[in-house]
Amino acid sequence: MKKLLIAPLAAAALALTGFVPSASGTATAGSGDIATVAATASCKSLTALSTVHVRKSASTKSTSLRLWYKGTKGCDIKGVDGGSYKNTCGIDSYHYWRKVNYRGSVGYVPNVCVKYS
């Protein structure tokens, strides 16, 4: 009975991660997934210094995709110059942002609100 339940669960897990079983029985990733897998494998871990919005673009006027909670970790993708922000995470004014992946959401956070961990 246990063996009958494992195969469908394994197939569902592979489908959720973007891997699709091929006719040969090996799992393959779609072409768009390869870059995501490679970026995750070489992730530079960041920790949020306070709760911040992960934004769609590097601007405080940009749509918030989600909250990144203080003390939790995410992945650094790259640094970018963007819109200025004021009174954020203890800094009067600055304009540098980090492009990040936080729990599957790729967006931008003020550079001063995260640190490498």
PDB file of N, CA and C in Angstrom:
ATOM      1  N   MET A   1       0.812  -1.190   0.000  1.00  0.00           N
ATOM      2  CA  MET A   1       0.000   0.000   0.000  1.00  0.00           C
ATOM      3  C   MET A   1       0.863   1.265   0.000  1.00  0.00           C
ATOM      4  N   LYS A   2       1.943   1.278   0.808  1.00  0.00           N
ATOM      5  CA  LYS A   2       2.809   2.449   0.876  1.00  0.00           C
ATOM      6  C   LYS A   2       3.463   2.735  -0.469  1.00  0.00           C
ATOM      7  N   LYS A   3       3.871   1.688  -1.180  1.00  0.00           N
ATOM      8  CA  LYS A   3       4.522   1.863  -2.478  1.00  0.00           C
ATOM      9  C   LYS A   3       3.569   2.507  -3.472  1.00  0.00           C
ATOM     10  N   LEU A   4       2.286   2.211  -3.387  1.00  0.00           N
ATOM     11  CA  LEU A   4       1.301   2.785  -4.298  1.00  0.00           C
ATOM     12  C   LEU A   4       1.132   4.282  -4.074  1.00  0.00           C
ATOM     13  N   LEU A   5       1.329   4.761  -2.870  1.00  0.00           N
ATOM     14  CA  LEU A   5       1.167   6.176  -2.557  1.00  0.00           C
ATOM     15  C   LEU A   5       2.408   6.996  -2.877  1.00  0.00           C
ATOM     16  N   ILE A   6       3.571   6.394  -2.858  1.00  0.00           N
ATOM     17  CA  ILE A   6       4.817   7.127  -3.054  1.00  0.00           C
ATOM     18  C   ILE A   6       4.969   7.642  -4.483  1.00  0.00           C
ATOM     19  N   ALA A   7       4.664   6.838  -5.477  1.00  0.00           N
ATOM     20  CA  ALA A   7       4.854   7.241  -6.877  1.00  0.00           C
ATOM     21  C   ALA A   7       4.047   8.491  -7.238  1.00  0.00           C
ATOM     22  N   PRO A   8       2.733   8.573  -6.928  1.00  0.00           N
ATOM     23  CA  PRO A   8       1.993   9.801  -7.264  1.00  0.00           C
ATOM     24  C   PRO A   8       2.512  11.023  -6.510  1.00  0.00           C
ATOM     25  N   LEU A   9       2.916  10.834  -5.264  1.00  0.00           N
ATOM     26  CA  LEU A   9       3.449  11.963  -4.493  1.00  0.00           C
ATOM     27  C   LEU A   9       4.766  12.446  -5.077  1.00  0.00           C
ATOM     28  N   ALA A  10       5.618  11.521  -5.491  1.00  0.00           N
ATOM     29  CA  ALA A  10       6.898  11.899  -6.096  1.00  0.00           C
ATOM     30  C   ALA A  10       6.666  12.639  -7.407  1.00  0.00           C
ATOM     31  N   ALA A  11       5.733  12.168  -8.218  1.00  0.00           N
ATOM     32  CA  ALA A  11       5.431  12.832  -9.492  1.00  0.00           C
ATOM     33  C   ALA A  11       4.892  14.237  -9.251  1.00  0.00           C
ATOM     34  N   ALA A  12       4.030  14.386  -8.246  1.00  0.00           N
ATOM     35  CA  ALA A  12       3.479  15.707  -7.927  1.00  0.00           C
ATOM     36  C   ALA A  12       4.578  16.649  -7.449  1.00  0.00           C
ATOM     37  N   ALA A  13       5.503  16.148  -6.632  1.00  0.00           N
ATOM     38  CA  ALA A  13       6.601  16.982  -6.145  1.00  0.00           C
ATOM     39  C   ALA A  13       7.486  17.437  -7.289  1.00  0.00           C
ATOM     40  N   LEU A  14       7.771  16.547  -8.225  1.00  0.00           N
ATOM     41  CA  LEU A  14       8.587  16.922  -9.388  1.00  0.00           C
ATOM     42  C   LEU A  14       7.876  17.966 -10.230  1.00  0.00           C
ATOM     43  N   ALA A  15       6.575  17.820 -10.401  1.00  0.00           N
ATOM     44  CA  ALA A  15       5.813  18.781 -11.197  1.00  0.00           C
ATOM     45  C   ALA A  15       5.832  20.157 -10.548  1.00  0.00           C
ATOM     46  N   LEU A  16       5.731  20.220  -9.235  1.00  0.00           N
ATOM     47  CA  LEU A  16       5.751  21.503  -8.528  1.00  0.00           C
ATOM     48  C   LEU A  16       7.094  22.206  -8.643  1.00  0.00           C
ATOM     49  N   THR A  17       8.169  21.454  -8.721  1.00  0.00           N
ATOM     50  CA  THR A  17       9.498  22.057  -8.826  1.00  0.00           C
ATOM     51  C   THR A  17       9.880  22.377 -10.261  1.00  0.00           C
ATOM     52  N   GLY A  18       9.031  21.991 -11.220  1.00  0.00           N
ATOM     53  CA  GLY A  18       9.314  22.297 -12.614  1.00  0.00           C
ATOM     54  C   GLY A  18      10.013  21.186 -13.360  1.00  0.00           C
ATOM     55  N   PHE A  19      10.294  20.082 -12.694  1.00  0.00           N
ATOM     56  CA  PHE A  19      10.919  18.951 -13.349  1.00  0.00           C
ATOM     57  C   PHE A  19       9.833  18.037 -13.884  1.00  0.00           C
ATOM     58  N   VAL A  20      10.036  17.561 -15.087  1.00  0.00           N
ATOM     59  CA  VAL A  20       9.048  16.712 -15.741  1.00  0.00           C
ATOM     60  C   VAL A  20       9.712  15.394 -16.107  1.00  0.00           C
ATOM     61  N   PRO A  21       9.102  14.261 -15.708  1.00  0.00           N
ATOM     62  CA  PRO A  21       9.693  12.982 -16.098  1.00  0.00           C
ATOM     63  C   PRO A  21       9.663  12.818 -17.613  1.00  0.00           C
ATOM     64  N   SER A  22      10.737  12.322 -18.187  1.00  0.00           N
ATOM     65  CA  SER A  22      10.780  12.084 -19.628  1.00  0.00           C
ATOM     66  C   SER A  22      10.464  10.622 -19.897  1.00  0.00           C
ATOM     67  N   ALA A  23      10.367  10.266 -21.175  1.00  0.00           N
ATOM     68  CA  ALA A  23      10.063   8.892 -21.552  1.00  0.00           C
ATOM     69  C   ALA A  23      11.139   7.928 -21.065  1.00  0.00           C
ATOM     70  N   SER A  24      12.361   8.408 -20.922  1.00  0.00           N
ATOM     71  CA  SER A  24      13.445   7.530 -20.482  1.00  0.00           C
ATOM     72  C   SER A  24      13.422   7.290 -18.979  1.00  0.00           C
ATOM     73  N   GLY A  25      12.555   8.036 -18.280  1.00  0.00           N
ATOM     74  CA  GLY A  25      12.446   7.854 -16.831  1.00  0.00           C
ATOM     75  C   GLY A  25      13.293   8.819 -16.033  1.00  0.00           C
ATOM     76  N   THR A  26      14.055   9.681 -16.701  1.00  0.00           N
ATOM     77  CA  THR A  26      14.852  10.667 -15.986  1.00  0.00           C
ATOM     78  C   THR A  26      14.095  11.992 -15.966  1.00  0.00           C
ATOM     79  N   ALA A  27      14.353  12.810 -14.979  1.00  0.00           N
ATOM     80  CA  ALA A  27      13.672  14.093 -14.868  1.00  0.00           C
ATOM     81  C   ALA A  27      14.459  15.153 -15.626  1.00  0.00           C
ATOM     82  N   THR A  28      13.736  16.036 -16.308  1.00  0.00           N
ATOM     83  CA  THR A  28      14.371  17.128 -17.028  1.00  0.00           C
ATOM     84  C   THR A  28      13.740  18.440 -16.603  1.00  0.00           C
ATOM     85  N   ALA A  29      14.468  19.521 -16.747  1.00  0.00           N
ATOM     86  CA  ALA A  29      13.951  20.839 -16.412  1.00  0.00           C
ATOM     87  C   ALA A  29      13.683  21.595 -17.695  1.00  0.00           C
ATOM     88  N   GLY A  30      12.672  22.473 -17.659  1.00  0.00           N
ATOM     89  CA  GLY A  30      12.397  23.338 -18.795  1.00  0.00           C
ATOM     90  C   GLY A  30      13.520  24.338 -18.953  1.00  0.00           C
ATOM     91  N   SER A  31      13.682  24.927 -20.131  1.00  0.00           N
ATOM     92  CA  SER A  31      14.805  25.834 -20.390  1.00  0.00           C
ATOM     93  C   SER A  31      14.786  27.050 -19.471  1.00  0.00           C
ATOM     94  N   GLY A  32      13.612  27.556 -19.106  1.00  0.00           N
ATOM     95  CA  GLY A  32      13.529  28.706 -18.215  1.00  0.00           C
ATOM     96  C   GLY A  32      13.902  28.363 -16.785  1.00  0.00           C
ATOM     97  N   ASP A  33      13.761  27.081 -16.423  1.00  0.00           N
ATOM     98  CA  ASP A  33      14.048  26.660 -15.060  1.00  0.00           C
ATOM     99  C   ASP A  33      15.530  26.497 -14.790  1.00  0.00           C
ATOM    100  N   ILE A  34      16.317  26.292 -15.833  1.00  0.00           N
ATOM    101  CA  ILE A  34      17.746  26.033 -15.658  1.00  0.00           C
ATOM    102  C   ILE A  34      18.439  27.230 -15.021  1.00  0.00           C
ATOM    103  N   ALA A  35      18.116  28.447 -15.461  1.00  0.00           N
ATOM    104  CA  ALA A  35      18.730  29.642 -14.882  1.00  0.00           C
ATOM    105  C   ALA A  35      18.346  29.794 -13.417  1.00  0.00           C
ATOM    106  N   THR A  36      17.093  29.491 -13.082  1.00  0.00           N
ATOM    107  CA  THR A  36      16.631  29.588 -11.699  1.00  0.00           C
ATOM    108  C   THR A  36      17.362  28.582 -10.824  1.00  0.00           C
ATOM    109  N   VAL A  37      17.503  27.357 -11.310  1.00  0.00           N
ATOM    110  CA  VAL A  37      18.209  26.322 -10.553  1.00  0.00           C
ATOM    111  C   VAL A  37      19.667  26.712 -10.367  1.00  0.00           C
ATOM    112  N   ALA A  38      20.308  27.231 -11.405  1.00  0.00           N
ATOM    113  CA  ALA A  38      21.713  27.641 -11.316  1.00  0.00           C
ATOM    114  C   ALA A  38      21.877  28.796 -10.340  1.00  0.00           C
ATOM    115  N   ALA A  39      20.963  29.772 -10.381  1.00  0.00           N
ATOM    116  CA  ALA A  39      21.053  30.919  -9.473  1.00  0.00           C
ATOM    117  C   ALA A  39      20.863  30.483  -8.029  1.00  0.00           C
ATOM    118  N   THR A  40      19.952  29.546  -7.787  1.00  0.00           N
ATOM    119  CA  THR A  40      19.712  29.064  -6.436  1.00  0.00           C
ATOM    120  C   THR A  40      20.912  28.288  -5.924  1.00  0.00           C
ATOM    121  N   ALA A  41      21.555  27.525  -6.795  1.00  0.00           N
ATOM    122  CA  ALA A  41      22.708  26.728  -6.390  1.00  0.00           C
ATOM    123  C   ALA A  41      23.867  27.617  -5.956  1.00  0.00           C
ATOM    124  N   SER A  42      24.006  28.791  -6.554  1.00  0.00           N
ATOM    125  CA  SER A  42      25.097  29.691  -6.204  1.00  0.00           C
ATOM    126  C   SER A  42      24.597  30.863  -5.360  1.00  0.00           C
ATOM    127  N   CYS A  43      23.585  30.631  -4.578  1.00  0.00           N
ATOM    128  CA  CYS A  43      22.943  31.668  -3.766  1.00  0.00           C
ATOM    129  C   CYS A  43      23.887  32.232  -2.705  1.00  0.00           C
ATOM    130  N   LYS A  44      23.930  33.565  -2.650  1.00  0.00           N
ATOM    131  CA  LYS A  44      24.611  34.246  -1.551  1.00  0.00           C
ATOM    132  C   LYS A  44      23.508  34.613  -0.572  1.00  0.00           C
ATOM    133  N   SER A  45      23.550  34.040   0.596  1.00  0.00           N
ATOM    134  CA  SER A  45      22.486  34.195   1.576  1.00  0.00           C
ATOM    135  C   SER A  45      22.463  35.595   2.189  1.00  0.00           C
ATOM    136  N   LEU A  46      21.263  36.171   2.264  1.00  0.00           N
ATOM    137  CA  LEU A  46      21.046  37.466   2.899  1.00  0.00           C
ATOM    138  C   LEU A  46      20.049  37.299   4.039  1.00  0.00           C
ATOM    139  N   THR A  47      20.196  38.108   5.065  1.00  0.00           N
ATOM    140  CA  THR A  47      19.253  38.145   6.175  1.00  0.00           C
ATOM    141  C   THR A  47      18.667  39.546   6.266  1.00  0.00           C
ATOM    142  N   ALA A  48      17.345  39.632   6.447  1.00  0.00           N
ATOM    143  CA  ALA A  48      16.678  40.927   6.578  1.00  0.00           C
ATOM    144  C   ALA A  48      16.963  41.514   7.961  1.00  0.00           C
ATOM    145  N   LEU A  49      17.364  42.785   7.989  1.00  0.00           N
ATOM    146  CA  LEU A  49      17.655  43.473   9.246  1.00  0.00           C
ATOM    147  C   LEU A  49      16.388  44.026   9.886  1.00  0.00           C
ATOM    148  N   SER A  50      15.347  44.207   9.088  1.00  0.00           N
ATOM    149  CA  SER A  50      14.021  44.593   9.567  1.00  0.00           C
ATOM    150  C   SER A  50      13.016  44.076   8.544  1.00  0.00           C
ATOM    151  N   THR A  51      11.753  44.117   8.858  1.00  0.00           N
ATOM    152  CA  THR A  51      10.737  43.676   7.909  1.00  0.00           C
ATOM    153  C   THR A  51      10.627  44.716   6.793  1.00  0.00           C
ATOM    154  N   VAL A  52      10.791  44.267   5.537  1.00  0.00           N
ATOM    155  CA  VAL A  52      10.777  45.173   4.386  1.00  0.00           C
ATOM    156  C   VAL A  52       9.885  44.613   3.279  1.00  0.00           C
ATOM    157  N   HIS A  53       9.481  45.492   2.387  1.00  0.00           N
ATOM    158  CA  HIS A  53       8.717  45.086   1.214  1.00  0.00           C
ATOM    159  C   HIS A  53       9.674  44.621   0.119  1.00  0.00           C
ATOM    160  N   VAL A  54       9.366  43.477  -0.493  1.00  0.00           N
ATOM    161  CA  VAL A  54      10.068  43.036  -1.702  1.00  0.00           C
ATOM    162  C   VAL A  54       9.259  43.655  -2.840  1.00  0.00           C
ATOM    163  N   ARG A  55       9.893  44.546  -3.606  1.00  0.00           N
ATOM    164  CA  ARG A  55       9.164  45.318  -4.619  1.00  0.00           C
ATOM    165  C   ARG A  55       9.432  44.829  -6.037  1.00  0.00           C
ATOM    166  N   LYS A  56       8.487  45.117  -6.918  1.00  0.00           N
ATOM    167  CA  LYS A  56       8.566  44.688  -8.317  1.00  0.00           C
ATOM    168  C   LYS A  56       9.727  45.351  -9.050  1.00  0.00           C
ATOM    169  N   SER A  57      10.029  46.600  -8.732  1.00  0.00           N
ATOM    170  CA  SER A  57      11.186  47.292  -9.300  1.00  0.00           C
ATOM    171  C   SER A  57      11.891  48.058  -8.184  1.00  0.00           C
ATOM    172  N   ALA A  58      13.043  48.607  -8.468  1.00  0.00           N
ATOM    173  CA  ALA A  58      13.871  49.272  -7.460  1.00  0.00           C
ATOM    174  C   ALA A  58      13.380  50.692  -7.194  1.00  0.00           C
ATOM    175  N   SER A  59      12.193  50.780  -6.616  1.00  0.00           N
ATOM    176  CA  SER A  59      11.589  52.071  -6.301  1.00  0.00           C
ATOM    177  C   SER A  59      10.581  51.902  -5.166  1.00  0.00           C
ATOM    178  N   THR A  60      10.523  52.879  -4.279  1.00  0.00           N
ATOM    179  CA  THR A  60       9.543  52.800  -3.189  1.00  0.00           C
ATOM    180  C   THR A  60       8.121  52.971  -3.705  1.00  0.00           C
ATOM    181  N   LYS A  61       7.963  53.477  -4.925  1.00  0.00           N
ATOM    182  CA  LYS A  61       6.633  53.631  -5.524  1.00  0.00           C
ATOM    183  C   LYS A  61       6.182  52.362  -6.252  1.00  0.00           C
ATOM    184  N   SER A  62       7.068  51.394  -6.373  1.00  0.00           N
ATOM    185  CA  SER A  62       6.776  50.140  -7.064  1.00  0.00           C
ATOM    186  C   SER A  62       5.858  49.255  -6.215  1.00  0.00           C
ATOM    187  N   THR A  63       5.131  48.383  -6.880  1.00  0.00           N
ATOM    188  CA  THR A  63       4.228  47.447  -6.216  1.00  0.00           C
ATOM    189  C   THR A  63       4.995  46.516  -5.285  1.00  0.00           C
ATOM    190  N   SER A  64       4.450  46.313  -4.091  1.00  0.00           N
ATOM    191  CA  SER A  64       5.030  45.370  -3.143  1.00  0.00           C
ATOM    192  C   SER A  64       4.569  43.959  -3.501  1.00  0.00           C
ATOM    193  N   LEU A  65       5.526  43.046  -3.683  1.00  0.00           N
ATOM    194  CA  LEU A  65       5.199  41.664  -4.013  1.00  0.00           C
ATOM    195  C   LEU A  65       4.894  40.851  -2.763  1.00  0.00           C
ATOM    196  N   ARG A  66       5.592  41.165  -1.677  1.00  0.00           N
ATOM    197  CA  ARG A  66       5.406  40.468  -0.402  1.00  0.00           C
ATOM    198  C   ARG A  66       6.266  41.148   0.659  1.00  0.00           C
ATOM    199  N   LEU A  67       6.104  40.746   1.892  1.00  0.00           N
ATOM    200  CA  LEU A  67       6.955  41.219   2.976  1.00  0.00           C
ATOM    201  C   LEU A  67       8.069  40.210   3.218  1.00  0.00           C
ATOM    202  N   TRP A  68       9.259  40.737   3.502  1.00  0.00           N
ATOM    203  CA  TRP A  68      10.391  39.911   3.912  1.00  0.00           C
ATOM    204  C   TRP A  68      10.574  40.214   5.396  1.00  0.00           C
ATOM    205  N   TYR A  69      10.386  39.206   6.230  1.00  0.00           N
ATOM    206  CA  TYR A  69      10.361  39.409   7.670  1.00  0.00           C
ATOM    207  C   TYR A  69      11.754  39.436   8.294  1.00  0.00           C
ATOM    208  N   LYS A  70      11.907  40.299   9.283  1.00  0.00           N
ATOM    209  CA  LYS A  70      13.170  40.482   9.989  1.00  0.00           C
ATOM    210  C   LYS A  70      13.722  39.138  10.463  1.00  0.00           C
ATOM    211  N   GLY A  71      15.018  38.931  10.214  1.00  0.00           N
ATOM    212  CA  GLY A  71      15.708  37.738  10.687  1.00  0.00           C
ATOM    213  C   GLY A  71      15.604  36.532   9.779  1.00  0.00           C
ATOM    214  N   THR A  72      14.787  36.603   8.723  1.00  0.00           N
ATOM    215  CA  THR A  72      14.672  35.462   7.808  1.00  0.00           C
ATOM    216  C   THR A  72      15.648  35.627   6.653  1.00  0.00           C
ATOM    217  N   LYS A  73      15.931  34.527   5.962  1.00  0.00           N
ATOM    218  CA  LYS A  73      16.961  34.526   4.915  1.00  0.00           C
ATOM    219  C   LYS A  73      16.359  34.454   3.517  1.00  0.00           C
ATOM    220  N   GLY A  74      17.103  35.003   2.578  1.00  0.00           N
ATOM    221  CA  GLY A  74      16.758  34.955   1.166  1.00  0.00           C
ATOM    222  C   GLY A  74      18.047  34.896   0.364  1.00  0.00           C
ATOM    223  N   CYS A  75      17.917  34.945  -0.964  1.00  0.00           N
ATOM    224  CA  CYS A  75      19.074  34.855  -1.851  1.00  0.00           C
ATOM    225  C   CYS A  75      19.341  36.180  -2.551  1.00  0.00           C
ATOM    226  N   ASP A  76      20.601  36.575  -2.576  1.00  0.00           N
ATOM    227  CA  ASP A  76      21.033  37.762  -3.306  1.00  0.00           C
ATOM    228  C   ASP A  76      21.222  37.396  -4.771  1.00  0.00           C
ATOM    229  N   ILE A  77      20.695  38.223  -5.670  1.00  0.00           N
ATOM    230  CA  ILE A  77      20.904  38.011  -7.098  1.00  0.00           C
ATOM    231  C   ILE A  77      21.922  39.018  -7.623  1.00  0.00           C
ATOM    232  N   LYS A  78      21.689  40.314  -7.375  1.00  0.00           N
ATOM    233  CA  LYS A  78      22.661  41.341  -7.768  1.00  0.00           C
ATOM    234  C   LYS A  78      22.261  42.674  -7.157  1.00  0.00           C
ATOM    235  N   GLY A  79      23.200  43.607  -7.154  1.00  0.00           N
ATOM    236  CA  GLY A  79      22.944  44.956  -6.685  1.00  0.00           C
ATOM    237  C   GLY A  79      22.563  45.846  -7.851  1.00  0.00           C
ATOM    238  N   VAL A  80      21.673  46.791  -7.603  1.00  0.00           N
ATOM    239  CA  VAL A  80      21.260  47.721  -8.658  1.00  0.00           C
ATOM    240  C   VAL A  80      21.106  49.121  -8.085  1.00  0.00           C
ATOM    241  N   ASP A  81      21.349  50.101  -8.945  1.00  0.00           N
ATOM    242  CA  ASP A  81      21.117  51.499  -8.595  1.00  0.00           C
ATOM    243  C   ASP A  81      19.664  51.790  -8.950  1.00  0.00           C
ATOM    244  N   GLY A  82      18.924  52.383  -8.050  1.00  0.00           N
ATOM    245  CA  GLY A  82      17.509  52.615  -8.313  1.00  0.00           C
ATOM    246  C   GLY A  82      17.024  53.899  -7.688  1.00  0.00           C
ATOM    247  N   GLY A  83      15.727  53.953  -7.460  1.00  0.00           N
ATOM    248  CA  GLY A  83      15.120  55.122  -6.850  1.00  0.00           C
ATOM    249  C   GLY A  83      15.607  55.317  -5.428  1.00  0.00           C
ATOM    250  N   SER A  84      15.687  56.570  -5.000  1.00  0.00           N
ATOM    251  CA  SER A  84      16.173  56.835  -3.651  1.00  0.00           C
ATOM    252  C   SER A  84      15.087  56.530  -2.625  1.00  0.00           C
ATOM    253  N   TYR A  85      15.530  56.197  -1.430  1.00  0.00           N
ATOM    254  CA  TYR A  85      14.615  55.957  -0.313  1.00  0.00           C
ATOM    255  C   TYR A  85      15.121  56.740   0.882  1.00  0.00           C
ATOM    256  N   LYS A  86      14.203  57.143   1.738  1.00  0.00           N
ATOM    257  CA  LYS A  86      14.552  57.957   2.904  1.00  0.00           C
ATOM    258  C   LYS A  86      14.064  57.283   4.179  1.00  0.00           C
ATOM    259  N   ASN A  87      14.813  57.498   5.250  1.00  0.00           N
ATOM    260  CA  ASN A  87      14.448  56.982   6.564  1.00  0.00           C
ATOM    261  C   ASN A  87      14.095  55.497   6.521  1.00  0.00           C
ATOM    262  N   THR A  88      14.954  54.721   5.894  1.00  0.00           N
ATOM    263  CA  THR A  88      14.739  53.280   5.761  1.00  0.00           C
ATOM    264  C   THR A  88      15.831  52.541   6.506  1.00  0.00           C
ATOM    265  N   CYS A  89      15.425  51.661   7.404  1.00  0.00           N
ATOM    266  CA  CYS A  89      16.361  50.814   8.159  1.00  0.00           C
ATOM    267  C   CYS A  89      17.472  51.622   8.816  1.00  0.00           C
ATOM    268  N   GLY A  90      17.142  52.795   9.313  1.00  0.00           N
ATOM    269  CA  GLY A  90      18.091  53.617  10.049  1.00  0.00           C
ATOM    270  C   GLY A  90      18.983  54.504   9.197  1.00  0.00           C
ATOM    271  N   ILE A  91      18.785  54.541   7.879  1.00  0.00           N
ATOM    272  CA  ILE A  91      19.588  55.373   6.981  1.00  0.00           C
ATOM    273  C   ILE A  91      18.729  56.536   6.496  1.00  0.00           C
ATOM    274  N   ASP A  92      19.285  57.758   6.559  1.00  0.00           N
ATOM    275  CA  ASP A  92      18.526  58.950   6.164  1.00  0.00           C
ATOM    276  C   ASP A  92      18.116  58.929   4.697  1.00  0.00           C
ATOM    277  N   SER A  93      19.060  58.656   3.809  1.00  0.00           N
ATOM    278  CA  SER A  93      18.760  58.663   2.381  1.00  0.00           C
ATOM    279  C   SER A  93      19.799  57.839   1.624  1.00  0.00           C
ATOM    280  N   TYR A  94      19.326  57.012   0.677  1.00  0.00           N
ATOM    281  CA  TYR A  94      20.217  56.178  -0.113  1.00  0.00           C
ATOM    282  C   TYR A  94      19.472  55.737  -1.362  1.00  0.00           C
ATOM    283  N   HIS A  95      20.185  55.113  -2.319  1.00  0.00           N
ATOM    284  CA  HIS A  95      19.553  54.754  -3.587  1.00  0.00           C
ATOM    285  C   HIS A  95      19.978  53.383  -4.123  1.00  0.00           C
ATOM    286  N   TYR A  96      20.694  52.599  -3.348  1.00  0.00           N
ATOM    287  CA  TYR A  96      21.166  51.309  -3.840  1.00  0.00           C
ATOM    288  C   TYR A  96      20.235  50.197  -3.354  1.00  0.00           C
ATOM    289  N   TRP A  97      19.897  49.269  -4.241  1.00  0.00           N
ATOM    290  CA  TRP A  97      18.954  48.192  -3.972  1.00  0.00           C
ATOM    291  C   TRP A  97      19.611  46.840  -4.233  1.00  0.00           C
ATOM    292  N   ARG A  98      19.052  45.774  -3.689  1.00  0.00           N
ATOM    293  CA  ARG A  98      19.470  44.401  -3.968  1.00  0.00           C
ATOM    294  C   ARG A  98      18.318  43.707  -4.680  1.00  0.00           C
ATOM    295  N   LYS A  99      18.629  43.049  -5.789  1.00  0.00           N
ATOM    296  CA  LYS A  99      17.652  42.168  -6.419  1.00  0.00           C
ATOM    297  C   LYS A  99      17.775  40.844  -5.691  1.00  0.00           C
ATOM    298  N   VAL A 100      16.664  40.334  -5.175  1.00  0.00           N
ATOM    299  CA  VAL A 100      16.692  39.167  -4.308  1.00  0.00           C
ATOM    300  C   VAL A 100      15.632  38.147  -4.708  1.00  0.00           C
ATOM    301  N   ASN A 101      15.814  36.940  -4.198  1.00  0.00           N
ATOM    302  CA  ASN A 101      14.796  35.898  -4.284  1.00  0.00           C
ATOM    303  C   ASN A 101      14.462  35.548  -2.845  1.00  0.00           C
ATOM    304  N   TYR A 102      13.251  35.903  -2.430  1.00  0.00           N
ATOM    305  CA  TYR A 102      12.807  35.589  -1.074  1.00  0.00           C
ATOM    306  C   TYR A 102      11.591  34.685  -1.174  1.00  0.00           C
ATOM    307  N   ARG A 103      11.777  33.439  -0.811  1.00  0.00           N
ATOM    308  CA  ARG A 103      10.709  32.435  -0.821  1.00  0.00           C
ATOM    309  C   ARG A 103       9.957  32.386  -2.140  1.00  0.00           C
ATOM    310  N   GLY A 104      10.712  32.439  -3.239  1.00  0.00           N
ATOM    311  CA  GLY A 104      10.124  32.312  -4.562  1.00  0.00           C
ATOM    312  C   GLY A 104       9.719  33.613  -5.220  1.00  0.00           C
ATOM    313  N   SER A 105       9.732  34.714  -4.487  1.00  0.00           N
ATOM    314  CA  SER A 105       9.409  36.024  -5.053  1.00  0.00           C
ATOM    315  C   SER A 105      10.712  36.736  -5.406  1.00  0.00           C
ATOM    316  N   VAL A 106      10.870  37.087  -6.673  1.00  0.00           N
ATOM    317  CA  VAL A 106      12.066  37.812  -7.112  1.00  0.00           C
ATOM    318  C   VAL A 106      11.689  39.279  -7.217  1.00  0.00           C
ATOM    319  N   GLY A 107      12.423  40.113  -6.471  1.00  0.00           N
ATOM    320  CA  GLY A 107      12.142  41.538  -6.461  1.00  0.00           C
ATOM    321  C   GLY A 107      13.294  42.307  -5.849  1.00  0.00           C
ATOM    322  N   TYR A 108      13.007  43.518  -5.399  1.00  0.00           N
ATOM    323  CA  TYR A 108      14.047  44.445  -4.934  1.00  0.00           C
ATOM    324  C   TYR A 108      13.768  44.909  -3.513  1.00  0.00           C
ATOM    325  N   VAL A 109      14.835  45.015  -2.724  1.00  0.00           N
ATOM    326  CA  VAL A 109      14.758  45.548  -1.370  1.00  0.00           C
ATOM    327  C   VAL A 109      15.870  46.573  -1.193  1.00  0.00           C
ATOM    328  N   PRO A 110      15.671  47.565  -0.312  1.00  0.00           N
ATOM    329  CA  PRO A 110      16.750  48.525  -0.049  1.00  0.00           C
ATOM    330  C   PRO A 110      17.997  47.807   0.452  1.00  0.00           C
ATOM    331  N   ASN A 111      19.123  48.151  -0.108  1.00  0.00           N
ATOM    332  CA  ASN A 111      20.398  47.530   0.229  1.00  0.00           C
ATOM    333  C   ASN A 111      20.701  47.597   1.732  1.00  0.00           C
ATOM    334  N   VAL A 112      20.332  48.694   2.380  1.00  0.00           N
ATOM    335  CA  VAL A 112      20.672  48.881   3.790  1.00  0.00           C
ATOM    336  C   VAL A 112      19.821  48.022   4.731  1.00  0.00           C
ATOM    337  N   CYS A 113      18.799  47.337   4.194  1.00  0.00           N
ATOM    338  CA  CYS A 113      17.903  46.537   5.023  1.00  0.00           C
ATOM    339  C   CYS A 113      18.263  45.053   5.061  1.00  0.00           C
ATOM    340  N   VAL A 114      19.356  44.676   4.383  1.00  0.00           N
ATOM    341  CA  VAL A 114      19.788  43.285   4.376  1.00  0.00           C
ATOM    342  C   VAL A 114      21.289  43.208   4.620  1.00  0.00           C
ATOM    343  N   LYS A 115      21.729  42.045   5.102  1.00  0.00           N
ATOM    344  CA  LYS A 115      23.174  41.812   5.263  1.00  0.00           C
ATOM    345  C   LYS A 115      23.477  40.389   4.840  1.00  0.00           C
ATOM    346  N   TYR A 116      24.715  40.169   4.383  1.00  0.00           N
ATOM    347  CA  TYR A 116      25.139  38.826   4.019  1.00  0.00           C
ATOM    348  C   TYR A 116      25.244  37.969   5.273  1.00  0.00           C
ATOM    349  N   SER A 117      24.758  36.745   5.147  1.00  0.00           N
ATOM    350  CA  SER A 117      24.798  35.856   6.315  1.00  0.00           C
ATOM    351  C   SER A 117      25.410  34.514   5.970  1.00  0.00           C
TER     352      SER A 117
END
